């Protein structure tokens, strides 16, 4: 049986604003197996990024985790102190943010920003030693400046930055959007984390570079044995990069399935709508738009939050919220009408 590295149970993250309480994540639950690639998909505003920030406990104010458990390696991260989380972030769990222009510090060179990550976690390893061990082991455990520099050069070369030894002395504004994203990936991988969240990692890249970055992430995942969570609304990336998918909508989980099963046999109308909106070169047809917008999460719709936009909605959908039920091997869906409707996924070239 495959080991579970991350287990989220009933996670609720709310933002307490002057306008009201925004229920950005409202009872999300799913598991991630060690070494697995999992896709978190849904429209903007579904709660994908907030879920990742909740795991890392870096939710911007006025956000707050109000309920739930986040078990990482059998430890509840919600119960950890900020000091304990600082030791874990970057080393055991890392994230590639969507916008590298805002996540990279403009007043420090690339070398300084990567070396800070490496040094910070070396220091925290030393803090675990008894005082009598500290002096004896400090010198042999700490990397020298030369070793850190060589590690940074190697990281930058791995993510495809040419002339790494020269470019690492430059500042983020001297890099293009795609190169900044490569630096962000290098920083996230600096301490070889066990779990990596990739939040729309190809947003600022052109199509050719996107393919290179996805291939790079896949290779690094296999090489390092990482677990990877791909946060995206691009179903093409999901098909290429993941083995299992969690479909989010308005802060709720509506479907969980193996990637192949999700594309071949979607069981929720929202999943069907997402697949129908994907442009394809081998099919000439008008793309089907999902009517309406993500609802106001201060006052979300009653019952199923998707029912105002769903063509299959019934009175029951308006009155009561559906719960996840098992409908197949590793396939779960939250829909009152899943037995009464037949959905057809888009044919894909992904392998079983």
C-alpha atoms as a PDB file:
ATOM      1  CA  UNK A   1       0.000   0.000   0.000  1.00  0.00           C
ATOM      2  CA  UNK A   2       1.391   3.393  -1.020  1.00  0.00           C
ATOM      3  CA  UNK A   3       2.351   5.715   1.828  1.00  0.00           C
ATOM      4  CA  UNK A   4       0.406   8.959   2.265  1.00  0.00           C
ATOM      5  CA  UNK A   5       2.655  12.009   2.602  1.00  0.00           C
ATOM      6  CA  UNK A   6      -0.096  14.651   2.856  1.00  0.00           C
ATOM      7  CA  UNK A   7      -3.633  14.291   4.166  1.00  0.00           C
ATOM      8  CA  UNK A   8      -6.001  17.272   4.273  1.00  0.00           C
ATOM      9  CA  UNK A   9      -9.166  16.722   6.279  1.00  0.00           C
ATOM     10  CA  UNK A  10     -12.012  19.239   6.489  1.00  0.00           C
ATOM     11  CA  UNK A  11      -9.788  22.267   5.855  1.00  0.00           C
ATOM     12  CA  UNK A  12     -11.534  25.615   6.172  1.00  0.00           C
ATOM     13  CA  UNK A  13      -9.706  28.864   5.458  1.00  0.00           C
ATOM     14  CA  UNK A  14     -11.709  32.078   5.706  1.00  0.00           C
ATOM     15  CA  UNK A  15     -10.857  35.720   5.043  1.00  0.00           C
ATOM     16  CA  UNK A  16     -12.386  38.120   7.550  1.00  0.00           C
ATOM     17  CA  UNK A  17     -12.983  41.291   5.522  1.00  0.00           C
ATOM     18  CA  UNK A  18     -15.027  44.430   6.143  1.00  0.00           C
ATOM     19  CA  UNK A  19     -17.540  43.210   3.567  1.00  0.00           C
ATOM     20  CA  UNK A  20     -17.968  39.880   5.347  1.00  0.00           C
ATOM     21  CA  UNK A  21     -16.389  36.450   5.794  1.00  0.00           C
ATOM     22  CA  UNK A  22     -15.042  35.043   2.525  1.00  0.00           C
ATOM     23  CA  UNK A  23     -15.177  31.240   2.673  1.00  0.00           C
ATOM     24  CA  UNK A  24     -12.307  30.668   0.240  1.00  0.00           C
ATOM     25  CA  UNK A  25     -11.696  27.061   1.327  1.00  0.00           C
ATOM     26  CA  UNK A  26     -14.715  25.490   2.967  1.00  0.00           C
ATOM     27  CA  UNK A  27     -14.217  21.887   4.045  1.00  0.00           C
ATOM     28  CA  UNK A  28     -11.672  20.492   1.564  1.00  0.00           C
ATOM     29  CA  UNK A  29     -10.395  16.929   2.055  1.00  0.00           C
ATOM     30  CA  UNK A  30      -7.993  14.829  -0.042  1.00  0.00           C
ATOM     31  CA  UNK A  31      -4.826  12.720   0.268  1.00  0.00           C
ATOM     32  CA  UNK A  32      -1.514  12.754  -1.585  1.00  0.00           C
ATOM     33  CA  UNK A  33       0.648   9.660  -1.888  1.00  0.00           C
ATOM     34  CA  UNK A  34       4.415   9.767  -1.615  1.00  0.00           C
ATOM     35  CA  UNK A  35       5.965  10.297  -5.054  1.00  0.00           C
ATOM     36  CA  UNK A  36       2.569  11.070  -6.642  1.00  0.00           C
ATOM     37  CA  UNK A  37       1.710  13.899  -9.045  1.00  0.00           C
ATOM     38  CA  UNK A  38      -1.662  15.402  -8.162  1.00  0.00           C
ATOM     39  CA  UNK A  39      -3.574  18.085 -10.061  1.00  0.00           C
ATOM     40  CA  UNK A  40      -5.641  20.759  -8.296  1.00  0.00           C
ATOM     41  CA  UNK A  41      -7.932  22.196 -10.971  1.00  0.00           C
ATOM     42  CA  UNK A  42     -10.755  24.684 -11.205  1.00  0.00           C
ATOM     43  CA  UNK A  43     -11.511  28.221 -12.320  1.00  0.00           C
ATOM     44  CA  UNK A  44      -9.860  31.227 -10.695  1.00  0.00           C
ATOM     45  CA  UNK A  45     -11.429  31.675  -7.280  1.00  0.00           C
ATOM     46  CA  UNK A  46     -11.982  27.953  -6.677  1.00  0.00           C
ATOM     47  CA  UNK A  47      -9.581  27.825  -3.723  1.00  0.00           C
ATOM     48  CA  UNK A  48      -6.560  26.146  -5.347  1.00  0.00           C
ATOM     49  CA  UNK A  49      -3.869  28.624  -4.269  1.00  0.00           C
ATOM     50  CA  UNK A  50      -5.401  29.217  -0.836  1.00  0.00           C
ATOM     51  CA  UNK A  51      -5.240  25.456  -0.219  1.00  0.00           C
ATOM     52  CA  UNK A  52      -1.480  25.437  -0.920  1.00  0.00           C
ATOM     53  CA  UNK A  53      -0.891  28.547   1.205  1.00  0.00           C
ATOM     54  CA  UNK A  54      -2.859  26.915   4.022  1.00  0.00           C
ATOM     55  CA  UNK A  55      -0.600  23.848   3.967  1.00  0.00           C
ATOM     56  CA  UNK A  56       2.461  26.107   4.222  1.00  0.00           C
ATOM     57  CA  UNK A  57       0.707  28.372   6.761  1.00  0.00           C
ATOM     58  CA  UNK A  58       1.532  31.539   4.804  1.00  0.00           C
ATOM     59  CA  UNK A  59      -2.007  32.849   4.317  1.00  0.00           C
ATOM     60  CA  UNK A  60      -2.060  36.635   3.884  1.00  0.00           C
ATOM     61  CA  UNK A  61      -4.069  38.679   6.366  1.00  0.00           C
ATOM     62  CA  UNK A  62      -6.994  38.798   7.030  1.00  0.00           C
ATOM     63  CA  UNK A  63      -7.039  35.074   6.189  1.00  0.00           C
ATOM     64  CA  UNK A  64      -7.162  32.401   8.884  1.00  0.00           C
ATOM     65  CA  UNK A  65      -7.454  28.618   9.098  1.00  0.00           C
ATOM     66  CA  UNK A  66     -10.575  28.110  11.202  1.00  0.00           C
ATOM     67  CA  UNK A  67     -10.965  24.340  11.080  1.00  0.00           C
ATOM     68  CA  UNK A  68      -9.461  21.095   9.789  1.00  0.00           C
ATOM     69  CA  UNK A  69      -6.260  19.073   9.807  1.00  0.00           C
ATOM     70  CA  UNK A  70      -3.229  19.140   7.514  1.00  0.00           C
ATOM     71  CA  UNK A  71      -1.215  15.986   8.174  1.00  0.00           C
ATOM     72  CA  UNK A  72       2.287  15.973   6.647  1.00  0.00           C
ATOM     73  CA  UNK A  73       4.327  12.858   7.388  1.00  0.00           C
ATOM     74  CA  UNK A  74       1.774  12.065  10.126  1.00  0.00           C
ATOM     75  CA  UNK A  75       2.263  15.464  11.846  1.00  0.00           C
ATOM     76  CA  UNK A  76      -0.512  18.059  11.974  1.00  0.00           C
ATOM     77  CA  UNK A  77       0.928  21.282  10.541  1.00  0.00           C
ATOM     78  CA  UNK A  78      -1.944  23.299  12.035  1.00  0.00           C
ATOM     79  CA  UNK A  79      -0.591  22.558  15.534  1.00  0.00           C
ATOM     80  CA  UNK A  80       2.988  23.596  14.769  1.00  0.00           C
ATOM     81  CA  UNK A  81       4.452  26.897  15.951  1.00  0.00           C
ATOM     82  CA  UNK A  82       5.683  29.503  13.466  1.00  0.00           C
ATOM     83  CA  UNK A  83       9.294  28.629  14.357  1.00  0.00           C
ATOM     84  CA  UNK A  84       8.643  24.967  13.577  1.00  0.00           C
ATOM     85  CA  UNK A  85       7.004  25.913  10.273  1.00  0.00           C
ATOM     86  CA  UNK A  86      10.018  28.017   9.309  1.00  0.00           C
ATOM     87  CA  UNK A  87      12.205  24.931   9.642  1.00  0.00           C
ATOM     88  CA  UNK A  88       9.836  22.976   7.409  1.00  0.00           C
ATOM     89  CA  UNK A  89       9.155  25.531   4.642  1.00  0.00           C
ATOM     90  CA  UNK A  90      11.636  25.310   1.801  1.00  0.00           C
ATOM     91  CA  UNK A  91      13.274  22.178   3.143  1.00  0.00           C
ATOM     92  CA  UNK A  92      10.455  19.626   3.409  1.00  0.00           C
ATOM     93  CA  UNK A  93       7.628  21.510   1.670  1.00  0.00           C
ATOM     94  CA  UNK A  94       8.255  24.156  -1.010  1.00  0.00           C
ATOM     95  CA  UNK A  95       6.195  26.197  -3.440  1.00  0.00           C
ATOM     96  CA  UNK A  96       6.716  27.772  -6.857  1.00  0.00           C
ATOM     97  CA  UNK A  97       4.595  30.912  -6.814  1.00  0.00           C
ATOM     98  CA  UNK A  98       2.540  31.984  -9.812  1.00  0.00           C
ATOM     99  CA  UNK A  99       4.221  35.384 -10.248  1.00  0.00           C
ATOM    100  CA  UNK A 100       8.030  35.282  -9.883  1.00  0.00           C
ATOM    101  CA  UNK A 101       8.220  39.069 -10.309  1.00  0.00           C
ATOM    102  CA  UNK A 102       6.558  39.531  -6.925  1.00  0.00           C
ATOM    103  CA  UNK A 103       8.030  36.498  -5.139  1.00  0.00           C
ATOM    104  CA  UNK A 104      11.677  37.331  -5.956  1.00  0.00           C
ATOM    105  CA  UNK A 105      13.237  40.188  -3.959  1.00  0.00           C
ATOM    106  CA  UNK A 106      14.286  42.970  -6.375  1.00  0.00           C
ATOM    107  CA  UNK A 107      17.129  44.291  -4.168  1.00  0.00           C
ATOM    108  CA  UNK A 108      19.061  41.008  -3.832  1.00  0.00           C
ATOM    109  CA  UNK A 109      20.959  39.110  -6.483  1.00  0.00           C
ATOM    110  CA  UNK A 110      19.882  35.635  -7.542  1.00  0.00           C
ATOM    111  CA  UNK A 111      22.937  34.200  -5.774  1.00  0.00           C
ATOM    112  CA  UNK A 112      22.006  35.901  -2.500  1.00  0.00           C
ATOM    113  CA  UNK A 113      18.401  34.714  -2.647  1.00  0.00           C
ATOM    114  CA  UNK A 114      19.310  31.086  -3.312  1.00  0.00           C
ATOM    115  CA  UNK A 115      22.147  31.038  -0.789  1.00  0.00           C
ATOM    116  CA  UNK A 116      19.828  32.406   1.914  1.00  0.00           C
ATOM    117  CA  UNK A 117      17.533  29.384   1.475  1.00  0.00           C
ATOM    118  CA  UNK A 118      20.440  26.928   1.657  1.00  0.00           C
ATOM    119  CA  UNK A 119      22.070  28.607   4.688  1.00  0.00           C
ATOM    120  CA  UNK A 120      18.790  28.955   6.591  1.00  0.00           C
ATOM    121  CA  UNK A 121      18.106  25.233   6.585  1.00  0.00           C
ATOM    122  CA  UNK A 122      21.704  24.292   7.334  1.00  0.00           C
ATOM    123  CA  UNK A 123      21.424  26.471  10.437  1.00  0.00           C
ATOM    124  CA  UNK A 124      18.209  24.782  11.491  1.00  0.00           C
ATOM    125  CA  UNK A 125      19.836  21.362  11.161  1.00  0.00           C
ATOM    126  CA  UNK A 126      22.593  22.541  13.518  1.00  0.00           C
ATOM    127  CA  UNK A 127      20.015  23.766  16.038  1.00  0.00           C
ATOM    128  CA  UNK A 128      18.999  20.131  16.574  1.00  0.00           C
ATOM    129  CA  UNK A 129      22.437  19.269  17.972  1.00  0.00           C
ATOM    130  CA  UNK A 130      23.270  19.195  21.661  1.00  0.00           C
ATOM    131  CA  UNK A 131      25.602  22.037  22.729  1.00  0.00           C
ATOM    132  CA  UNK A 132      28.561  19.678  23.126  1.00  0.00           C
ATOM    133  CA  UNK A 133      28.056  18.421  19.557  1.00  0.00           C
ATOM    134  CA  UNK A 134      27.650  21.869  18.039  1.00  0.00           C
ATOM    135  CA  UNK A 135      31.264  23.063  18.016  1.00  0.00           C
ATOM    136  CA  UNK A 136      32.614  19.707  16.870  1.00  0.00           C
ATOM    137  CA  UNK A 137      30.149  19.238  14.001  1.00  0.00           C
ATOM    138  CA  UNK A 138      29.540  22.829  12.941  1.00  0.00           C
ATOM    139  CA  UNK A 139      32.565  23.036  10.674  1.00  0.00           C
ATOM    140  CA  UNK A 140      31.987  19.685   8.968  1.00  0.00           C
ATOM    141  CA  UNK A 141      28.214  20.209   8.536  1.00  0.00           C
ATOM    142  CA  UNK A 142      28.226  23.733   7.139  1.00  0.00           C
ATOM    143  CA  UNK A 143      28.869  24.154   3.431  1.00  0.00           C
ATOM    144  CA  UNK A 144      31.673  26.518   2.563  1.00  0.00           C
ATOM    145  CA  UNK A 145      30.993  29.631   0.455  1.00  0.00           C
ATOM    146  CA  UNK A 146      32.562  27.852  -2.499  1.00  0.00           C
ATOM    147  CA  UNK A 147      30.337  24.787  -2.052  1.00  0.00           C
ATOM    148  CA  UNK A 148      27.215  26.959  -1.796  1.00  0.00           C
ATOM    149  CA  UNK A 149      28.233  28.853  -4.933  1.00  0.00           C
ATOM    150  CA  UNK A 150      28.782  25.604  -6.836  1.00  0.00           C
ATOM    151  CA  UNK A 151      25.405  24.299  -5.669  1.00  0.00           C
ATOM    152  CA  UNK A 152      23.698  27.486  -6.913  1.00  0.00           C
ATOM    153  CA  UNK A 153      25.444  27.247 -10.282  1.00  0.00           C
ATOM    154  CA  UNK A 154      24.342  23.634 -10.581  1.00  0.00           C
ATOM    155  CA  UNK A 155      20.735  24.513  -9.683  1.00  0.00           C
ATOM    156  CA  UNK A 156      20.603  27.280 -12.294  1.00  0.00           C
ATOM    157  CA  UNK A 157      22.100  25.002 -14.936  1.00  0.00           C
ATOM    158  CA  UNK A 158      19.560  22.277 -14.098  1.00  0.00           C
ATOM    159  CA  UNK A 159      16.655  24.705 -14.717  1.00  0.00           C
ATOM    160  CA  UNK A 160      18.217  25.805 -18.021  1.00  0.00           C
ATOM    161  CA  UNK A 161      19.745  29.212 -17.288  1.00  0.00           C
ATOM    162  CA  UNK A 162      22.786  29.691 -19.569  1.00  0.00           C
ATOM    163  CA  UNK A 163      26.049  31.160 -18.244  1.00  0.00           C
ATOM    164  CA  UNK A 164      24.854  30.488 -14.698  1.00  0.00           C
ATOM    165  CA  UNK A 165      28.086  31.598 -13.015  1.00  0.00           C
ATOM    166  CA  UNK A 166      27.683  35.107 -14.431  1.00  0.00           C
ATOM    167  CA  UNK A 167      23.914  35.429 -14.293  1.00  0.00           C
ATOM    168  CA  UNK A 168      23.616  34.434 -10.644  1.00  0.00           C
ATOM    169  CA  UNK A 169      25.237  37.770  -9.744  1.00  0.00           C
ATOM    170  CA  UNK A 170      22.453  39.674 -11.491  1.00  0.00           C
ATOM    171  CA  UNK A 171      19.174  41.026 -10.074  1.00  0.00           C
ATOM    172  CA  UNK A 172      15.666  39.724 -10.920  1.00  0.00           C
ATOM    173  CA  UNK A 173      14.837  42.770 -13.085  1.00  0.00           C
ATOM    174  CA  UNK A 174      17.669  41.762 -15.437  1.00  0.00           C
ATOM    175  CA  UNK A 175      15.854  38.502 -16.264  1.00  0.00           C
ATOM    176  CA  UNK A 176      12.934  37.915 -18.614  1.00  0.00           C
ATOM    177  CA  UNK A 177       9.656  36.543 -17.231  1.00  0.00           C
ATOM    178  CA  UNK A 178      10.561  33.006 -18.264  1.00  0.00           C
ATOM    179  CA  UNK A 179      14.035  33.236 -16.738  1.00  0.00           C
ATOM    180  CA  UNK A 180      12.567  34.580 -13.482  1.00  0.00           C
ATOM    181  CA  UNK A 181      10.302  31.549 -13.351  1.00  0.00           C
ATOM    182  CA  UNK A 182      13.337  29.295 -13.781  1.00  0.00           C
ATOM    183  CA  UNK A 183      15.037  31.065 -10.866  1.00  0.00           C
ATOM    184  CA  UNK A 184      11.875  30.560  -8.778  1.00  0.00           C
ATOM    185  CA  UNK A 185      11.923  26.839  -9.591  1.00  0.00           C
ATOM    186  CA  UNK A 186      15.619  26.632  -8.672  1.00  0.00           C
ATOM    187  CA  UNK A 187      14.918  28.323  -5.330  1.00  0.00           C
ATOM    188  CA  UNK A 188      12.062  25.917  -4.573  1.00  0.00           C
ATOM    189  CA  UNK A 189      14.303  22.914  -5.304  1.00  0.00           C
ATOM    190  CA  UNK A 190      17.368  24.245  -3.452  1.00  0.00           C
ATOM    191  CA  UNK A 191      16.887  21.924  -0.447  1.00  0.00           C
ATOM    192  CA  UNK A 192      15.333  19.019  -2.378  1.00  0.00           C
ATOM    193  CA  UNK A 193      11.877  19.109  -0.720  1.00  0.00           C
ATOM    194  CA  UNK A 194       9.727  16.015  -0.278  1.00  0.00           C
ATOM    195  CA  UNK A 195       6.608  17.925  -1.382  1.00  0.00           C
ATOM    196  CA  UNK A 196       6.417  20.665  -4.005  1.00  0.00           C
ATOM    197  CA  UNK A 197       3.432  22.867  -4.851  1.00  0.00           C
ATOM    198  CA  UNK A 198       3.652  24.340  -8.364  1.00  0.00           C
ATOM    199  CA  UNK A 199       1.154  27.220  -8.609  1.00  0.00           C
ATOM    200  CA  UNK A 200       0.570  27.889 -12.322  1.00  0.00           C
ATOM    201  CA  UNK A 201       4.353  27.493 -12.948  1.00  0.00           C
ATOM    202  CA  UNK A 202       4.094  28.093 -16.710  1.00  0.00           C
ATOM    203  CA  UNK A 203       1.877  31.201 -16.683  1.00  0.00           C
ATOM    204  CA  UNK A 204       4.571  33.648 -17.835  1.00  0.00           C
ATOM    205  CA  UNK A 205       6.219  31.343 -20.358  1.00  0.00           C
ATOM    206  CA  UNK A 206       5.694  30.969 -24.093  1.00  0.00           C
ATOM    207  CA  UNK A 207       4.433  27.641 -25.396  1.00  0.00           C
ATOM    208  CA  UNK A 208       7.855  26.161 -26.233  1.00  0.00           C
ATOM    209  CA  UNK A 209       9.337  27.091 -22.859  1.00  0.00           C
ATOM    210  CA  UNK A 210       6.203  25.794 -21.118  1.00  0.00           C
ATOM    211  CA  UNK A 211       6.858  22.336 -22.537  1.00  0.00           C
ATOM    212  CA  UNK A 212      10.500  22.508 -21.410  1.00  0.00           C
ATOM    213  CA  UNK A 213       9.520  23.559 -17.873  1.00  0.00           C
ATOM    214  CA  UNK A 214       6.949  20.784 -17.545  1.00  0.00           C
ATOM    215  CA  UNK A 215       9.484  18.222 -18.748  1.00  0.00           C
ATOM    216  CA  UNK A 216      12.019  19.627 -16.284  1.00  0.00           C
ATOM    217  CA  UNK A 217       9.593  19.420 -13.357  1.00  0.00           C
ATOM    218  CA  UNK A 218       8.689  15.851 -14.278  1.00  0.00           C
ATOM    219  CA  UNK A 219      12.353  14.824 -14.519  1.00  0.00           C
ATOM    220  CA  UNK A 220      13.247  16.507 -11.212  1.00  0.00           C
ATOM    221  CA  UNK A 221      10.252  14.909  -9.514  1.00  0.00           C
ATOM    222  CA  UNK A 222      11.421  11.451 -10.576  1.00  0.00           C
ATOM    223  CA  UNK A 223      15.057  12.159  -9.746  1.00  0.00           C
ATOM    224  CA  UNK A 224      14.350  13.542  -6.263  1.00  0.00           C
ATOM    225  CA  UNK A 225      11.389  11.277  -5.498  1.00  0.00           C
ATOM    226  CA  UNK A 226       9.212  14.304  -4.770  1.00  0.00           C
ATOM    227  CA  UNK A 227       5.471  14.467  -4.416  1.00  0.00           C
ATOM    228  CA  UNK A 228       4.114  17.164  -6.739  1.00  0.00           C
ATOM    229  CA  UNK A 229       0.894  19.173  -6.595  1.00  0.00           C
ATOM    230  CA  UNK A 230       0.177  20.995  -9.866  1.00  0.00           C
ATOM    231  CA  UNK A 231      -2.185  23.945  -9.350  1.00  0.00           C
ATOM    232  CA  UNK A 232      -3.655  24.932 -12.697  1.00  0.00           C
ATOM    233  CA  UNK A 233      -6.752  25.615 -14.760  1.00  0.00           C
ATOM    234  CA  UNK A 234      -5.033  24.193 -17.864  1.00  0.00           C
ATOM    235  CA  UNK A 235      -6.451  20.710 -18.451  1.00  0.00           C
ATOM    236  CA  UNK A 236      -3.673  19.994 -20.963  1.00  0.00           C
ATOM    237  CA  UNK A 237      -1.081  20.340 -18.200  1.00  0.00           C
ATOM    238  CA  UNK A 238      -3.209  18.111 -15.989  1.00  0.00           C
ATOM    239  CA  UNK A 239      -3.301  15.400 -18.666  1.00  0.00           C
ATOM    240  CA  UNK A 240       0.462  15.540 -19.176  1.00  0.00           C
ATOM    241  CA  UNK A 241       1.744  15.934 -15.628  1.00  0.00           C
ATOM    242  CA  UNK A 242      -0.584  14.236 -13.145  1.00  0.00           C
ATOM    243  CA  UNK A 243      -1.733  10.750 -12.210  1.00  0.00           C
ATOM    244  CA  UNK A 244      -4.718  11.897 -10.144  1.00  0.00           C
ATOM    245  CA  UNK A 245      -6.889  15.028 -10.079  1.00  0.00           C
ATOM    246  CA  UNK A 246      -8.883  16.963  -7.469  1.00  0.00           C
ATOM    247  CA  UNK A 247     -11.554  19.251  -8.965  1.00  0.00           C
ATOM    248  CA  UNK A 248     -12.317  22.319  -6.839  1.00  0.00           C
ATOM    249  CA  UNK A 249     -15.198  24.756  -7.199  1.00  0.00           C
ATOM    250  CA  UNK A 250     -16.030  27.689  -4.910  1.00  0.00           C
ATOM    251  CA  UNK A 251     -14.001  26.271  -2.027  1.00  0.00           C
ATOM    252  CA  UNK A 252     -15.399  22.717  -2.223  1.00  0.00           C
ATOM    253  CA  UNK A 253     -14.122  19.416  -3.676  1.00  0.00           C
ATOM    254  CA  UNK A 254     -16.521  18.133  -6.337  1.00  0.00           C
ATOM    255  CA  UNK A 255     -14.582  15.286  -7.918  1.00  0.00           C
ATOM    256  CA  UNK A 256     -11.460  13.201  -7.267  1.00  0.00           C
ATOM    257  CA  UNK A 257     -10.270  10.650  -9.824  1.00  0.00           C
ATOM    258  CA  UNK A 258      -7.323   9.148 -11.640  1.00  0.00           C
ATOM    259  CA  UNK A 259      -6.428  11.423 -14.532  1.00  0.00           C
ATOM    260  CA  UNK A 260      -7.341   8.948 -17.259  1.00  0.00           C
ATOM    261  CA  UNK A 261     -10.703   8.202 -15.659  1.00  0.00           C
ATOM    262  CA  UNK A 262     -11.466  11.897 -15.229  1.00  0.00           C
ATOM    263  CA  UNK A 263     -10.909  12.627 -18.921  1.00  0.00           C
ATOM    264  CA  UNK A 264     -12.677   9.505 -20.165  1.00  0.00           C
ATOM    265  CA  UNK A 265     -15.563   9.416 -17.687  1.00  0.00           C
ATOM    266  CA  UNK A 266     -16.137  12.689 -15.827  1.00  0.00           C
ATOM    267  CA  UNK A 267     -18.888  12.214 -13.264  1.00  0.00           C
ATOM    268  CA  UNK A 268     -19.590  15.822 -12.241  1.00  0.00           C
ATOM    269  CA  UNK A 269     -21.214  18.429 -14.551  1.00  0.00           C
ATOM    270  CA  UNK A 270     -18.537  20.983 -13.581  1.00  0.00           C
ATOM    271  CA  UNK A 271     -15.748  18.622 -14.660  1.00  0.00           C
ATOM    272  CA  UNK A 272     -17.597  18.027 -17.935  1.00  0.00           C
ATOM    273  CA  UNK A 273     -17.872  21.789 -18.451  1.00  0.00           C
ATOM    274  CA  UNK A 274     -14.144  22.304 -17.811  1.00  0.00           C
ATOM    275  CA  UNK A 275     -13.242  19.628 -20.371  1.00  0.00           C
ATOM    276  CA  UNK A 276     -15.695  21.020 -22.948  1.00  0.00           C
ATOM    277  CA  UNK A 277     -14.015  24.436 -22.696  1.00  0.00           C
ATOM    278  CA  UNK A 278     -10.573  23.100 -23.697  1.00  0.00           C
ATOM    279  CA  UNK A 279      -9.500  24.059 -27.273  1.00  0.00           C
ATOM    280  CA  UNK A 280      -8.230  21.154 -29.394  1.00  0.00           C
ATOM    281  CA  UNK A 281      -6.362  21.086 -32.694  1.00  0.00           C
ATOM    282  CA  UNK A 282      -7.916  17.800 -33.831  1.00  0.00           C
ATOM    283  CA  UNK A 283     -11.513  18.923 -33.391  1.00  0.00           C
ATOM    284  CA  UNK A 284     -13.288  21.759 -35.185  1.00  0.00           C
ATOM    285  CA  UNK A 285     -16.083  22.895 -32.954  1.00  0.00           C
ATOM    286  CA  UNK A 286     -17.268  25.891 -31.012  1.00  0.00           C
ATOM    287  CA  UNK A 287     -15.976  25.851 -27.468  1.00  0.00           C
ATOM    288  CA  UNK A 288     -18.673  25.497 -24.838  1.00  0.00           C
ATOM    289  CA  UNK A 289     -18.572  28.287 -22.277  1.00  0.00           C
ATOM    290  CA  UNK A 290     -19.548  27.708 -18.664  1.00  0.00           C
ATOM    291  CA  UNK A 291     -22.448  30.131 -18.057  1.00  0.00           C
ATOM    292  CA  UNK A 292     -22.186  32.623 -15.196  1.00  0.00           C
ATOM    293  CA  UNK A 293     -19.272  33.165 -12.809  1.00  0.00           C
ATOM    294  CA  UNK A 294     -17.801  31.786  -9.603  1.00  0.00           C
ATOM    295  CA  UNK A 295     -20.298  32.771  -6.876  1.00  0.00           C
ATOM    296  CA  UNK A 296     -19.788  35.346  -4.145  1.00  0.00           C
ATOM    297  CA  UNK A 297     -18.072  33.364  -1.375  1.00  0.00           C
ATOM    298  CA  UNK A 298     -19.338  35.726   1.330  1.00  0.00           C
ATOM    299  CA  UNK A 299     -22.861  34.528   0.587  1.00  0.00           C
ATOM    300  CA  UNK A 300     -22.412  31.320  -1.484  1.00  0.00           C
ATOM    301  CA  UNK A 301     -25.468  29.641  -3.046  1.00  0.00           C
ATOM    302  CA  UNK A 302     -27.444  27.209  -0.932  1.00  0.00           C
ATOM    303  CA  UNK A 303     -27.018  23.496  -1.543  1.00  0.00           C
ATOM    304  CA  UNK A 304     -24.582  22.627  -4.306  1.00  0.00           C
ATOM    305  CA  UNK A 305     -22.580  25.759  -5.076  1.00  0.00           C
ATOM    306  CA  UNK A 306     -22.512  24.890  -8.777  1.00  0.00           C
ATOM    307  CA  UNK A 307     -26.275  24.537  -9.160  1.00  0.00           C
ATOM    308  CA  UNK A 308     -26.940  28.100 -10.509  1.00  0.00           C
ATOM    309  CA  UNK A 309     -24.658  27.284 -13.484  1.00  0.00           C
ATOM    310  CA  UNK A 310     -25.544  23.595 -13.895  1.00  0.00           C
ATOM    311  CA  UNK A 311     -27.857  22.419 -16.687  1.00  0.00           C
ATOM    312  CA  UNK A 312     -28.679  19.251 -14.731  1.00  0.00           C
ATOM    313  CA  UNK A 313     -29.651  21.007 -11.465  1.00  0.00           C
ATOM    314  CA  UNK A 314     -32.798  19.905  -9.586  1.00  0.00           C
ATOM    315  CA  UNK A 315     -34.655  21.196  -6.529  1.00  0.00           C
ATOM    316  CA  UNK A 316     -32.551  18.894  -4.345  1.00  0.00           C
ATOM    317  CA  UNK A 317     -29.393  20.585  -5.647  1.00  0.00           C
ATOM    318  CA  UNK A 318     -30.713  23.938  -4.430  1.00  0.00           C
ATOM    319  CA  UNK A 319     -31.629  22.640  -0.979  1.00  0.00           C
ATOM    320  CA  UNK A 320     -28.791  20.375   0.181  1.00  0.00           C
ATOM    321  CA  UNK A 321     -25.036  20.242  -0.376  1.00  0.00           C
ATOM    322  CA  UNK A 322     -23.836  16.948  -1.894  1.00  0.00           C
ATOM    323  CA  UNK A 323     -21.137  14.873  -0.201  1.00  0.00           C
ATOM    324  CA  UNK A 324     -18.328  12.930  -1.861  1.00  0.00           C
ATOM    325  CA  UNK A 325     -19.347   9.359  -2.653  1.00  0.00           C
ATOM    326  CA  UNK A 326     -17.250   6.592  -4.195  1.00  0.00           C
ATOM    327  CA  UNK A 327     -18.370   5.807  -7.749  1.00  0.00           C
ATOM    328  CA  UNK A 328     -15.399   3.746  -8.951  1.00  0.00           C
ATOM    329  CA  UNK A 329     -11.808   2.743  -8.139  1.00  0.00           C
ATOM    330  CA  UNK A 330     -10.229   5.904  -6.654  1.00  0.00           C
ATOM    331  CA  UNK A 331     -13.130   7.898  -8.128  1.00  0.00           C
ATOM    332  CA  UNK A 332     -15.251  10.143  -5.900  1.00  0.00           C
ATOM    333  CA  UNK A 333     -17.904  12.679  -6.852  1.00  0.00           C
ATOM    334  CA  UNK A 334     -20.121  15.158  -4.982  1.00  0.00           C
ATOM    335  CA  UNK A 335     -23.308  15.358  -7.065  1.00  0.00           C
ATOM    336  CA  UNK A 336     -26.935  14.457  -6.296  1.00  0.00           C
ATOM    337  CA  UNK A 337     -27.623  13.550  -9.932  1.00  0.00           C
ATOM    338  CA  UNK A 338     -24.537  11.530 -10.859  1.00  0.00           C
ATOM    339  CA  UNK A 339     -26.589   8.330 -11.281  1.00  0.00           C
ATOM    340  CA  UNK A 340     -29.164  10.024 -13.511  1.00  0.00           C
ATOM    341  CA  UNK A 341     -26.857  11.818 -15.978  1.00  0.00           C
ATOM    342  CA  UNK A 342     -24.323  10.463 -18.439  1.00  0.00           C
ATOM    343  CA  UNK A 343     -21.301  12.668 -19.032  1.00  0.00           C
ATOM    344  CA  UNK A 344     -18.780  12.204 -21.810  1.00  0.00           C
ATOM    345  CA  UNK A 345     -15.186  13.314 -21.458  1.00  0.00           C
ATOM    346  CA  UNK A 346     -12.933  14.526 -24.254  1.00  0.00           C
ATOM    347  CA  UNK A 347     -10.804  11.782 -25.814  1.00  0.00           C
ATOM    348  CA  UNK A 348      -7.140  12.231 -24.981  1.00  0.00           C
ATOM    349  CA  UNK A 349      -3.826  10.625 -25.864  1.00  0.00           C
ATOM    350  CA  UNK A 350      -2.767  10.093 -22.275  1.00  0.00           C
ATOM    351  CA  UNK A 351      -1.906   6.553 -21.258  1.00  0.00           C
ATOM    352  CA  UNK A 352      -3.766   4.523 -18.705  1.00  0.00           C
END
